[in-house]
Amino acid sequence: MNRLITSADYCGMTASLLCLVHCVGTPLLLLMFPMIGFSESDDLVHRAMAILVVIPAVLAILPGFRKHRNWSVLLTGSSGLACFIVSVLVIGPHYGEMAELVFATIGGVLLFTTHYRNHRFCRCCVNEAGQ
């Protein structure tokens, strides 16, 4: 179980960073999309990012919370996931790319912070149990 949490936290941190790089680079990439065959309305990238962010978050945060019982991790993780999912599924289609960019970035930062803190708290639980 501990390996699953650690692996999911690392995957979650990586996915969150990839999402942040995507969000920050979006204005530049949008200029290049027609040249590489994507259109602005292609949501495949956003759906793939959503899957890459949600799965590790669920696999790490919930089992991690059961170990360390730190409510702030669960709260920030839930907030980050909600912010990210709403940005991709609701805000982007209704309010445009820039609004989605802002909320997805906020969600990505919250998720990265959550994974980092979850990983540290889980390591503390292992250290305390081993002593």
N, C-alpha and C. Protein backbone atom coordinates (compact mmCIF):
# COMPACT_ATOMS: atom_id res chain seq x y z
N MET A 1 0.83 -1.20 0.00
CA MET A 1 0.00 0.00 0.00
C MET A 1 0.86 1.25 0.00
N ASN A 2 1.96 1.23 0.78
CA ASN A 2 2.83 2.40 0.86
C ASN A 2 3.48 2.70 -0.49
N ARG A 3 3.85 1.64 -1.22
CA ARG A 3 4.44 1.83 -2.55
C ARG A 3 3.44 2.47 -3.50
N LEU A 4 2.19 2.06 -3.40
CA LEU A 4 1.15 2.62 -4.26
C LEU A 4 1.00 4.12 -4.00
N ILE A 5 0.96 4.51 -2.74
CA ILE A 5 0.81 5.92 -2.40
C ILE A 5 2.00 6.71 -2.91
N THR A 6 3.22 6.21 -2.67
CA THR A 6 4.42 6.91 -3.10
C THR A 6 4.46 7.04 -4.61
N SER A 7 4.19 5.94 -5.31
CA SER A 7 4.19 5.98 -6.78
C SER A 7 3.12 6.92 -7.31
N ALA A 8 1.94 6.86 -6.72
CA ALA A 8 0.85 7.74 -7.16
C ALA A 8 1.17 9.20 -6.87
N ASP A 9 1.83 9.49 -5.74
CA ASP A 9 2.23 10.87 -5.45
C ASP A 9 3.23 11.36 -6.48
N TYR A 10 4.23 10.55 -6.80
CA TYR A 10 5.20 10.96 -7.82
C TYR A 10 4.55 11.13 -9.18
N CYS A 11 3.66 10.22 -9.54
CA CYS A 11 2.93 10.37 -10.80
C CYS A 11 2.05 11.62 -10.78
N GLY A 12 1.42 11.86 -9.65
CA GLY A 12 0.58 13.05 -9.52
C GLY A 12 1.37 14.33 -9.61
N MET A 13 2.53 14.37 -8.97
CA MET A 13 3.38 15.57 -9.06
C MET A 13 3.83 15.78 -10.50
N THR A 14 4.21 14.70 -11.18
CA THR A 14 4.64 14.80 -12.57
C THR A 14 3.49 15.25 -13.46
N ALA A 15 2.33 14.67 -13.28
CA ALA A 15 1.17 15.05 -14.09
C ALA A 15 0.77 16.50 -13.82
N SER A 16 0.83 16.92 -12.57
CA SER A 16 0.50 18.31 -12.24
C SER A 16 1.48 19.27 -12.89
N LEU A 17 2.77 18.92 -12.84
CA LEU A 17 3.78 19.77 -13.49
C LEU A 17 3.58 19.80 -14.99
N LEU A 18 3.28 18.65 -15.60
CA LEU A 18 3.02 18.63 -17.04
C LEU A 18 1.82 19.50 -17.38
N CYS A 19 0.81 19.43 -16.54
CA CYS A 19 -0.38 20.26 -16.74
C CYS A 19 -0.02 21.74 -16.64
N LEU A 20 0.78 22.09 -15.64
CA LEU A 20 1.18 23.49 -15.49
C LEU A 20 2.00 23.97 -16.68
N VAL A 21 2.92 23.12 -17.16
CA VAL A 21 3.71 23.47 -18.34
C VAL A 21 2.78 23.66 -19.54
N HIS A 22 1.81 22.77 -19.66
CA HIS A 22 0.84 22.89 -20.75
C HIS A 22 0.06 24.20 -20.64
N CYS A 23 -0.40 24.52 -19.43
CA CYS A 23 -1.20 25.73 -19.23
C CYS A 23 -0.39 27.00 -19.50
N VAL A 24 0.83 27.02 -19.04
CA VAL A 24 1.66 28.21 -19.24
C VAL A 24 2.08 28.32 -20.71
N GLY A 25 2.32 27.18 -21.34
CA GLY A 25 2.74 27.20 -22.74
C GLY A 25 1.60 27.26 -23.74
N THR A 26 0.37 27.21 -23.28
CA THR A 26 -0.78 27.18 -24.18
C THR A 26 -0.82 28.36 -25.15
N PRO A 27 -0.63 29.59 -24.67
CA PRO A 27 -0.68 30.69 -25.65
C PRO A 27 0.32 30.53 -26.79
N LEU A 28 1.51 30.04 -26.48
CA LEU A 28 2.50 29.82 -27.54
C LEU A 28 2.15 28.63 -28.41
N LEU A 29 1.66 27.57 -27.78
CA LEU A 29 1.29 26.38 -28.54
C LEU A 29 0.11 26.63 -29.46
N LEU A 30 -0.83 27.45 -29.03
CA LEU A 30 -2.00 27.73 -29.86
C LEU A 30 -1.59 28.37 -31.19
N LEU A 31 -0.52 29.14 -31.15
CA LEU A 31 -0.02 29.74 -32.38
C LEU A 31 0.57 28.69 -33.32
N MET A 32 1.09 27.60 -32.74
CA MET A 32 1.74 26.56 -33.54
C MET A 32 0.79 25.43 -33.93
N PHE A 33 -0.36 25.30 -33.28
CA PHE A 33 -1.25 24.17 -33.52
C PHE A 33 -1.62 23.98 -35.00
N PRO A 34 -2.00 25.03 -35.72
CA PRO A 34 -2.34 24.81 -37.14
C PRO A 34 -1.18 24.21 -37.94
N MET A 35 0.05 24.53 -37.56
CA MET A 35 1.21 24.01 -38.29
C MET A 35 1.45 22.53 -38.02
N ILE A 36 1.04 22.04 -36.82
CA ILE A 36 1.29 20.64 -36.49
C ILE A 36 0.03 19.78 -36.59
N GLY A 37 -1.07 20.36 -37.07
CA GLY A 37 -2.25 19.56 -37.35
C GLY A 37 -3.33 19.55 -36.29
N PHE A 38 -3.18 20.28 -35.21
CA PHE A 38 -4.23 20.37 -34.20
C PHE A 38 -5.04 21.63 -34.44
N SER A 39 -6.28 21.57 -34.02
CA SER A 39 -7.10 22.78 -34.06
C SER A 39 -7.36 23.21 -32.63
N GLU A 40 -7.78 24.43 -32.43
CA GLU A 40 -8.05 24.93 -31.08
C GLU A 40 -9.18 24.17 -30.41
N SER A 41 -10.07 23.60 -31.19
CA SER A 41 -11.23 22.91 -30.60
C SER A 41 -10.93 21.45 -30.25
N ASP A 42 -9.70 21.01 -30.47
CA ASP A 42 -9.35 19.62 -30.18
C ASP A 42 -9.19 19.45 -28.67
N ASP A 43 -10.14 18.74 -28.05
CA ASP A 43 -10.14 18.56 -26.60
C ASP A 43 -9.43 17.29 -26.16
N LEU A 44 -8.84 16.57 -27.08
CA LEU A 44 -8.16 15.32 -26.73
C LEU A 44 -7.04 15.56 -25.71
N VAL A 45 -6.29 16.62 -25.89
CA VAL A 45 -5.20 16.94 -24.96
C VAL A 45 -5.76 17.20 -23.57
N HIS A 46 -6.86 17.93 -23.48
CA HIS A 46 -7.44 18.25 -22.17
C HIS A 46 -8.01 17.02 -21.49
N ARG A 47 -8.63 16.16 -22.25
CA ARG A 47 -9.17 14.93 -21.65
C ARG A 47 -8.05 14.01 -21.18
N ALA A 48 -6.99 13.92 -21.96
CA ALA A 48 -5.84 13.10 -21.56
C ALA A 48 -5.20 13.67 -20.30
N MET A 49 -5.05 15.00 -20.24
CA MET A 49 -4.49 15.63 -19.04
C MET A 49 -5.38 15.38 -17.83
N ALA A 50 -6.67 15.45 -18.03
CA ALA A 50 -7.59 15.22 -16.91
C ALA A 50 -7.42 13.81 -16.35
N ILE A 51 -7.29 12.84 -17.23
CA ILE A 51 -7.09 11.46 -16.78
C ILE A 51 -5.75 11.32 -16.08
N LEU A 52 -4.70 11.93 -16.64
CA LEU A 52 -3.37 11.85 -16.04
C LEU A 52 -3.28 12.55 -14.69
N VAL A 53 -4.17 13.48 -14.43
CA VAL A 53 -4.16 14.19 -13.16
C VAL A 53 -5.07 13.52 -12.13
N VAL A 54 -6.24 13.09 -12.54
CA VAL A 54 -7.25 12.55 -11.60
C VAL A 54 -6.84 11.19 -11.03
N ILE A 55 -6.39 10.29 -11.88
CA ILE A 55 -6.09 8.93 -11.40
C ILE A 55 -5.02 8.91 -10.31
N PRO A 56 -3.84 9.53 -10.52
CA PRO A 56 -2.86 9.52 -9.43
C PRO A 56 -3.33 10.25 -8.18
N ALA A 57 -4.14 11.29 -8.36
CA ALA A 57 -4.63 12.02 -7.19
C ALA A 57 -5.50 11.12 -6.33
N VAL A 58 -6.39 10.40 -6.95
CA VAL A 58 -7.27 9.51 -6.19
C VAL A 58 -6.47 8.36 -5.57
N LEU A 59 -5.52 7.81 -6.32
CA LEU A 59 -4.72 6.69 -5.82
C LEU A 59 -3.75 7.08 -4.71
N ALA A 60 -3.41 8.35 -4.61
CA ALA A 60 -2.45 8.78 -3.58
C ALA A 60 -3.12 9.47 -2.40
N ILE A 61 -4.02 10.37 -2.68
CA ILE A 61 -4.55 11.24 -1.62
C ILE A 61 -5.46 10.47 -0.66
N LEU A 62 -6.37 9.67 -1.18
CA LEU A 62 -7.28 8.94 -0.28
C LEU A 62 -6.55 7.93 0.60
N PRO A 63 -5.72 7.04 0.04
CA PRO A 63 -4.99 6.11 0.92
C PRO A 63 -4.01 6.86 1.85
N GLY A 64 -3.42 7.94 1.34
CA GLY A 64 -2.51 8.72 2.17
C GLY A 64 -3.24 9.34 3.36
N PHE A 65 -4.43 9.85 3.10
CA PHE A 65 -5.22 10.43 4.18
C PHE A 65 -5.55 9.37 5.23
N ARG A 66 -5.86 8.17 4.78
CA ARG A 66 -6.18 7.10 5.73
C ARG A 66 -4.97 6.79 6.63
N LYS A 67 -3.77 7.04 6.13
CA LYS A 67 -2.57 6.78 6.95
C LYS A 67 -2.29 7.92 7.92
N HIS A 68 -2.25 9.16 7.39
CA HIS A 68 -1.79 10.28 8.23
C HIS A 68 -2.92 11.11 8.83
N ARG A 69 -4.13 10.98 8.35
CA ARG A 69 -5.30 11.69 8.89
C ARG A 69 -5.15 13.21 8.94
N ASN A 70 -4.41 13.77 8.00
CA ASN A 70 -4.25 15.21 7.93
C ASN A 70 -5.33 15.77 7.00
N TRP A 71 -6.30 16.44 7.59
CA TRP A 71 -7.45 16.93 6.84
C TRP A 71 -7.08 18.00 5.83
N SER A 72 -6.02 18.77 6.08
CA SER A 72 -5.65 19.83 5.14
C SER A 72 -5.22 19.24 3.79
N VAL A 73 -4.60 18.06 3.82
CA VAL A 73 -4.21 17.40 2.57
C VAL A 73 -5.45 16.99 1.79
N LEU A 74 -6.40 16.41 2.47
CA LEU A 74 -7.64 16.00 1.82
C LEU A 74 -8.40 17.22 1.27
N LEU A 75 -8.44 18.29 2.03
CA LEU A 75 -9.15 19.50 1.61
C LEU A 75 -8.49 20.16 0.41
N THR A 76 -7.17 20.34 0.46
CA THR A 76 -6.50 20.98 -0.68
C THR A 76 -6.53 20.07 -1.91
N GLY A 77 -6.41 18.76 -1.70
CA GLY A 77 -6.48 17.84 -2.83
C GLY A 77 -7.85 17.85 -3.48
N SER A 78 -8.89 17.83 -2.67
CA SER A 78 -10.26 17.90 -3.20
C SER A 78 -10.51 19.21 -3.92
N SER A 79 -10.02 20.30 -3.34
CA SER A 79 -10.18 21.61 -3.97
C SER A 79 -9.44 21.68 -5.29
N GLY A 80 -8.22 21.16 -5.31
CA GLY A 80 -7.44 21.16 -6.55
C GLY A 80 -8.08 20.31 -7.63
N LEU A 81 -8.56 19.12 -7.25
CA LEU A 81 -9.24 18.26 -8.22
C LEU A 81 -10.51 18.91 -8.75
N ALA A 82 -11.30 19.47 -7.84
CA ALA A 82 -12.54 20.13 -8.25
C ALA A 82 -12.25 21.30 -9.19
N CYS A 83 -11.27 22.11 -8.82
CA CYS A 83 -10.90 23.27 -9.64
C CYS A 83 -10.44 22.82 -11.02
N PHE A 84 -9.63 21.78 -11.06
CA PHE A 84 -9.11 21.29 -12.33
C PHE A 84 -10.21 20.69 -13.21
N ILE A 85 -11.03 19.84 -12.63
CA ILE A 85 -12.09 19.18 -13.40
C ILE A 85 -13.11 20.19 -13.91
N VAL A 86 -13.51 21.12 -13.04
CA VAL A 86 -14.47 22.15 -13.46
C VAL A 86 -13.87 23.03 -14.55
N SER A 87 -12.58 23.33 -14.45
CA SER A 87 -11.97 24.17 -15.48
C SER A 87 -11.99 23.48 -16.84
N VAL A 88 -11.70 22.19 -16.87
CA VAL A 88 -11.66 21.45 -18.14
C VAL A 88 -13.05 21.19 -18.69
N LEU A 89 -13.97 20.77 -17.83
CA LEU A 89 -15.29 20.34 -18.31
C LEU A 89 -16.33 21.46 -18.41
N VAL A 90 -16.21 22.50 -17.58
CA VAL A 90 -17.25 23.54 -17.55
C VAL A 90 -16.71 24.90 -18.00
N ILE A 91 -15.67 25.36 -17.34
CA ILE A 91 -15.20 26.73 -17.59
C ILE A 91 -14.66 26.89 -19.00
N GLY A 92 -13.81 25.95 -19.43
CA GLY A 92 -13.24 26.03 -20.78
C GLY A 92 -14.29 26.10 -21.87
N PRO A 93 -15.21 25.15 -21.90
CA PRO A 93 -16.22 25.18 -22.97
C PRO A 93 -17.16 26.39 -22.91
N HIS A 94 -17.43 26.92 -21.72
CA HIS A 94 -18.38 28.03 -21.61
C HIS A 94 -17.74 29.41 -21.60
N TYR A 95 -16.54 29.51 -21.06
CA TYR A 95 -15.93 30.84 -20.89
C TYR A 95 -14.62 31.02 -21.65
N GLY A 96 -14.15 30.01 -22.31
CA GLY A 96 -12.99 30.16 -23.17
C GLY A 96 -11.68 29.67 -22.55
N GLU A 97 -10.67 29.66 -23.41
CA GLU A 97 -9.36 29.13 -23.06
C GLU A 97 -8.68 29.88 -21.91
N MET A 98 -8.78 31.19 -21.91
CA MET A 98 -8.07 31.95 -20.88
C MET A 98 -8.64 31.70 -19.48
N ALA A 99 -9.95 31.62 -19.38
CA ALA A 99 -10.57 31.31 -18.09
C ALA A 99 -10.20 29.90 -17.65
N GLU A 100 -10.21 28.97 -18.59
CA GLU A 100 -9.80 27.60 -18.29
C GLU A 100 -8.34 27.57 -17.84
N LEU A 101 -7.50 28.33 -18.51
CA LEU A 101 -6.09 28.40 -18.18
C LEU A 101 -5.87 28.83 -16.73
N VAL A 102 -6.59 29.86 -16.31
CA VAL A 102 -6.44 30.38 -14.95
C VAL A 102 -6.86 29.33 -13.92
N PHE A 103 -8.04 28.76 -14.10
CA PHE A 103 -8.53 27.79 -13.11
C PHE A 103 -7.77 26.47 -13.14
N ALA A 104 -7.35 26.02 -14.32
CA ALA A 104 -6.56 24.78 -14.39
C ALA A 104 -5.20 24.98 -13.74
N THR A 105 -4.63 26.16 -13.88
CA THR A 105 -3.34 26.44 -13.24
C THR A 105 -3.49 26.45 -11.73
N ILE A 106 -4.54 27.07 -11.23
CA ILE A 106 -4.79 27.07 -9.78
C ILE A 106 -4.97 25.63 -9.29
N GLY A 107 -5.78 24.85 -10.01
CA GLY A 107 -5.98 23.45 -9.64
C GLY A 107 -4.69 22.66 -9.69
N GLY A 108 -3.86 22.89 -10.70
CA GLY A 108 -2.58 22.20 -10.82
C GLY A 108 -1.63 22.52 -9.69
N VAL A 109 -1.57 23.78 -9.30
CA VAL A 109 -0.71 24.18 -8.18
C VAL A 109 -1.20 23.54 -6.88
N LEU A 110 -2.51 23.57 -6.66
CA LEU A 110 -3.07 22.93 -5.47
C LEU A 110 -2.77 21.43 -5.45
N LEU A 111 -2.90 20.77 -6.58
CA LEU A 111 -2.66 19.33 -6.64
C LEU A 111 -1.18 19.01 -6.44
N PHE A 112 -0.31 19.78 -7.05
CA PHE A 112 1.12 19.53 -6.85
C PHE A 112 1.49 19.69 -5.39
N THR A 113 1.01 20.75 -4.77
CA THR A 113 1.27 21.00 -3.35
C THR A 113 0.71 19.86 -2.49
N THR A 114 -0.48 19.42 -2.83
CA THR A 114 -1.11 18.32 -2.09
C THR A 114 -0.30 17.04 -2.20
N HIS A 115 0.12 16.69 -3.41
CA HIS A 115 0.92 15.47 -3.57
C HIS A 115 2.24 15.57 -2.78
N TYR A 116 2.87 16.71 -2.85
CA TYR A 116 4.12 16.90 -2.12
C TYR A 116 3.91 16.73 -0.62
N ARG A 117 2.89 17.39 -0.09
CA ARG A 117 2.60 17.30 1.35
C ARG A 117 2.16 15.89 1.74
N ASN A 118 1.34 15.26 0.90
CA ASN A 118 0.89 13.90 1.17
C ASN A 118 2.10 12.96 1.24
N HIS A 119 3.01 13.12 0.31
CA HIS A 119 4.21 12.29 0.29
C HIS A 119 5.03 12.49 1.57
N ARG A 120 5.19 13.72 1.99
CA ARG A 120 5.96 14.00 3.21
C ARG A 120 5.27 13.45 4.45
N PHE A 121 3.96 13.62 4.54
CA PHE A 121 3.23 13.09 5.70
C PHE A 121 3.28 11.57 5.74
N CYS A 122 3.16 10.92 4.58
CA CYS A 122 3.23 9.46 4.53
C CYS A 122 4.62 8.97 4.92
N ARG A 123 5.65 9.69 4.53
CA ARG A 123 7.02 9.33 4.93
C ARG A 123 7.18 9.45 6.42
N CYS A 124 6.58 10.48 7.02
CA CYS A 124 6.65 10.63 8.48
C CYS A 124 5.96 9.48 9.17
N CYS A 125 4.83 9.01 8.62
CA CYS A 125 4.12 7.88 9.22
C CYS A 125 4.99 6.63 9.19
N VAL A 126 5.70 6.41 8.10
CA VAL A 126 6.57 5.25 7.97
C VAL A 126 7.73 5.36 8.95
N ASN A 127 8.32 6.55 9.07
CA ASN A 127 9.43 6.75 9.99
C ASN A 127 9.02 6.54 11.44
N GLU A 128 7.82 7.03 11.80
CA GLU A 128 7.34 6.87 13.17
C GLU A 128 7.01 5.41 13.48
N ALA A 129 6.47 4.69 12.48
CA ALA A 129 6.13 3.28 12.70
C ALA A 129 7.38 2.42 12.81
N GLY A 130 8.46 2.85 12.13
CA GLY A 130 9.69 2.07 12.16
C GLY A 130 10.53 2.31 13.41
N GLN A 131 10.23 3.36 14.14
CA GLN A 131 11.04 3.69 15.33
C GLN A 131 10.56 3.00 16.56
